[in-house]
Amino acid sequence: TATTEIYTLSLQTLFRSNLQLNNINNVSPVNCAVSNYSGTAKFNLGRHDGQGSIQGIGSESGQMIEVETITLDDFISEGNPMPDVMKIDIEGEESNALIGFEKTIAKCKPTIIVELHTPEQDEKVGKYFMEQGYLAYRITKTDYDSNSPIKYLSRIEDLSSPWPTENGIWGTVVGVHRSEEHTSELQSHLNL
């Protein structure tokens, strides 16, 4: 099956090289940022390729560039495939990416893995999940090393409360649509 990857501009060369090195031919890189509107935006470059954002959170270098933006709804309406699984880690723009997916999400109900970076994003993504009929689980690692394996998923009971609420939505979250088929699908993948 075809896979489409939308990534930050600063990773373009590395990403293309990695695809070629691993002989991956079913991925089509797209050079634009996902947001709640299609157009352009100012992008704050980070101090290294793993940083940078439209929102301006984290350690930016002070340099800004203009980038093309697209909504996921527009991206799909252009003939690109609907996702089964999405991973969103875009430094404070998470809720805007999801807002730009409101027309299409009900058609495909993907599993959504999202890395939340601020209490404001925690609240906005929690609200979006509730409005779209999603359950959420926090990925808990064995330690705070980003390379450590997943230890377990814990159900998030309060999607309206951000960090530091213990049962609230924060951290690395997996959103699964409430429909029985999607919940059982997640459970089978994780051997729950």
Protein backbone atom coordinates (compact mmCIF):
# COMPACT_ATOMS: atom_id res chain seq x y z
CA THR A 1 0.00 0.00 0.00
CA ALA A 2 1.10 3.56 -0.58
CA THR A 3 2.23 5.66 2.34
CA THR A 4 2.47 9.42 2.43
CA GLU A 5 4.66 11.22 4.93
CA ILE A 6 4.42 14.93 5.70
CA TYR A 7 7.51 16.18 7.53
CA THR A 8 9.32 19.34 8.52
CA LEU A 9 11.38 21.13 5.90
CA SER A 10 14.64 20.79 7.83
CA LEU A 11 14.56 16.99 7.53
CA GLN A 12 14.05 16.88 3.75
CA THR A 13 17.54 15.73 2.74
CA LEU A 14 17.88 13.22 5.56
CA PHE A 15 14.42 11.81 4.90
CA ARG A 16 14.98 11.33 1.15
CA SER A 17 18.38 9.74 1.80
CA ASN A 18 16.87 7.35 4.33
CA LEU A 19 14.16 6.27 1.87
CA GLN A 20 16.74 5.65 -0.83
CA LEU A 21 19.17 3.87 1.51
CA ASN A 22 16.41 1.50 2.66
CA ASN A 23 15.00 0.99 -0.84
CA ILE A 24 11.56 2.30 0.22
CA ASN A 25 9.49 3.15 -2.84
CA ASN A 26 5.95 3.47 -1.44
CA VAL A 27 6.46 6.81 0.35
CA SER A 28 5.96 10.18 -1.30
CA PRO A 29 7.56 13.04 0.67
CA VAL A 30 5.51 16.24 0.79
CA ASN A 31 7.30 19.48 1.53
CA CYS A 32 4.73 21.40 3.61
CA ALA A 33 3.51 21.86 7.16
CA VAL A 34 0.19 20.50 8.41
CA SER A 35 -2.08 23.11 10.00
CA ASN A 36 -5.69 24.27 10.28
CA TYR A 37 -5.47 26.22 7.00
CA SER A 38 -3.87 25.84 3.59
CA GLY A 39 -1.56 28.69 2.64
CA THR A 40 1.74 29.82 4.15
CA ALA A 41 3.11 30.34 7.65
CA LYS A 42 6.28 31.52 9.37
CA PHE A 43 8.30 28.58 10.69
CA ASN A 44 10.77 29.05 13.57
CA LEU A 45 13.86 26.96 12.82
CA GLY A 46 15.25 24.94 15.70
CA ARG A 47 18.80 24.60 16.89
CA HIS A 48 18.87 21.10 15.31
CA ASP A 49 16.68 19.11 12.89
CA GLY A 50 14.49 17.73 15.67
CA GLN A 51 13.30 21.18 16.68
CA GLY A 52 11.44 24.06 15.12
CA SER A 53 7.79 24.98 14.94
CA ILE A 54 5.12 27.29 13.63
CA GLN A 55 4.10 28.06 17.23
CA GLY A 56 7.55 29.08 18.42
CA ILE A 57 7.95 26.71 21.36
CA GLY A 58 11.18 24.99 22.32
CA SER A 59 14.72 26.07 21.47
CA GLU A 60 14.60 27.99 18.21
CA SER A 61 17.66 29.33 16.45
CA GLY A 62 16.03 32.72 15.90
CA GLN A 63 15.82 32.11 12.17
CA MET A 64 12.42 32.03 10.49
CA ILE A 65 11.40 30.80 7.07
CA GLU A 66 8.10 30.83 5.23
CA VAL A 67 6.58 27.39 4.61
CA GLU A 68 3.59 26.14 2.69
CA THR A 69 0.79 24.80 4.91
CA ILE A 70 -1.99 22.35 4.13
CA THR A 71 -4.90 20.88 6.05
CA LEU A 72 -5.21 17.12 6.19
CA ASP A 73 -8.72 17.52 4.72
CA ASP A 74 -7.29 19.35 1.69
CA PHE A 75 -4.44 16.86 1.39
CA ILE A 76 -6.88 13.93 1.26
CA SER A 77 -9.29 15.77 -1.07
CA GLU A 78 -6.39 16.08 -3.56
CA GLY A 79 -6.52 12.29 -3.99
CA ASN A 80 -4.09 11.21 -1.30
CA PRO A 81 -5.02 8.14 0.78
CA MET A 82 -6.89 8.41 4.08
CA PRO A 83 -4.70 7.36 7.01
CA ASP A 84 -5.23 4.29 9.18
CA VAL A 85 -2.67 5.52 11.71
CA MET A 86 -1.32 9.03 12.25
CA LYS A 87 1.65 10.19 14.34
CA ILE A 88 1.61 13.88 15.20
CA ASP A 89 4.64 15.47 16.88
CA ILE A 90 4.70 19.04 15.60
CA GLU A 91 5.73 21.19 18.56
CA GLY A 92 2.56 23.02 19.57
CA GLU A 93 0.61 22.78 16.30
CA GLU A 94 -1.07 19.45 17.18
CA SER A 95 -4.58 20.80 17.70
CA ASN A 96 -4.43 22.88 14.53
CA ALA A 97 -3.45 19.82 12.50
CA LEU A 98 -6.46 17.98 13.95
CA ILE A 99 -8.81 20.93 13.33
CA GLY A 100 -7.74 20.75 9.68
CA PHE A 101 -8.89 17.11 9.66
CA GLU A 102 -12.49 17.60 10.90
CA LYS A 103 -14.20 16.93 7.55
CA THR A 104 -12.46 13.62 6.88
CA ILE A 105 -11.80 12.01 10.26
CA ALA A 106 -15.25 10.42 10.58
CA LYS A 107 -14.73 8.59 7.26
CA CYS A 108 -11.54 6.82 8.29
CA LYS A 109 -11.35 6.99 12.13
CA PRO A 110 -7.57 6.50 12.27
CA THR A 111 -5.61 5.64 15.36
CA ILE A 112 -3.88 8.90 16.29
CA ILE A 113 -0.59 8.99 18.19
CA VAL A 114 0.13 12.52 19.37
CA GLU A 115 3.02 13.99 21.34
CA LEU A 116 1.62 16.85 23.44
CA HIS A 117 3.95 19.71 24.37
CA THR A 118 1.94 22.29 26.36
CA PRO A 119 -1.06 22.33 28.72
CA GLU A 120 -2.88 24.45 26.13
CA GLN A 121 -2.41 21.73 23.51
CA ASP A 122 -3.39 19.08 26.07
CA GLU A 123 -6.78 20.80 26.51
CA LYS A 124 -7.38 21.43 22.81
CA VAL A 125 -6.50 17.89 21.73
CA GLY A 126 -8.56 16.44 24.59
CA LYS A 127 -11.56 18.50 23.48
CA TYR A 128 -11.06 17.39 19.86
CA PHE A 129 -10.91 13.72 20.88
CA MET A 130 -14.12 14.07 22.91
CA GLU A 131 -15.92 15.82 20.03
CA GLN A 132 -14.82 13.13 17.56
CA GLY A 133 -15.73 10.16 19.79
CA TYR A 134 -12.20 9.06 20.67
CA LEU A 135 -10.85 7.26 23.72
CA ALA A 136 -7.30 8.13 24.74
CA TYR A 137 -4.44 6.21 26.32
CA ARG A 138 -1.11 7.51 27.59
CA ILE A 139 2.01 5.67 26.53
CA THR A 140 4.13 5.06 29.59
CA LYS A 141 7.78 4.18 29.06
CA THR A 142 10.05 2.20 31.33
CA ASP A 143 12.08 5.35 32.01
CA TYR A 144 12.46 8.83 30.58
CA ASP A 145 14.88 7.77 27.85
CA SER A 146 13.15 8.43 24.54
CA ASN A 147 14.67 5.22 23.17
CA SER A 148 13.15 3.01 25.87
CA PRO A 149 10.43 0.52 24.90
CA ILE A 150 6.78 1.10 25.72
CA LYS A 151 5.93 -0.36 29.10
CA TYR A 152 2.15 -0.04 28.92
CA LEU A 153 -0.82 2.09 27.93
CA SER A 154 -2.97 3.63 30.61
CA ARG A 155 -6.49 4.86 29.88
CA ILE A 156 -6.89 8.63 30.21
CA GLU A 157 -10.06 9.22 32.19
CA ASP A 158 -10.27 13.02 32.00
CA LEU A 159 -9.79 14.41 28.48
CA SER A 160 -10.63 17.92 29.66
CA SER A 161 -7.75 18.27 32.16
CA PRO A 162 -4.17 19.04 31.06
CA TRP A 163 -0.81 18.47 32.72
CA PRO A 164 -0.23 18.12 35.67
CA THR A 165 -3.59 16.38 36.37
CA GLU A 166 -2.70 12.73 37.00
CA ASN A 167 -5.69 11.30 35.07
CA GLY A 168 -5.65 14.13 32.51
CA ILE A 169 -4.45 14.27 28.93
CA TRP A 170 -0.72 14.99 28.51
CA GLY A 171 2.46 13.35 27.26
CA THR A 172 2.44 10.82 24.44
CA VAL A 173 -1.17 9.85 23.76
CA VAL A 174 -2.86 7.26 21.55
CA GLY A 175 -6.37 8.19 20.43
CA VAL A 176 -8.68 5.37 19.30
CA HIS A 177 -12.20 5.84 18.02
CA ARG A 178 -14.87 4.48 20.36
CA SER A 179 -16.27 2.16 17.69
CA GLU A 180 -15.88 -1.40 18.86
CA GLU A 181 -13.89 -2.51 15.82
CA HIS A 182 -11.21 0.14 16.38
CA THR A 183 -10.90 -0.46 20.12
CA SER A 184 -10.55 -4.23 19.67
CA GLU A 185 -8.06 -3.61 16.84
CA LEU A 186 -5.83 -1.58 19.21
CA GLN A 187 -6.15 -4.22 21.90
CA SER A 188 -5.10 -6.98 19.52
CA HIS A 189 -2.05 -4.98 18.35
CA LEU A 190 -0.97 -4.40 21.93
CA ASN A 191 -1.98 -7.82 23.30
CA LEU A 192 -4.21 -6.21 25.95
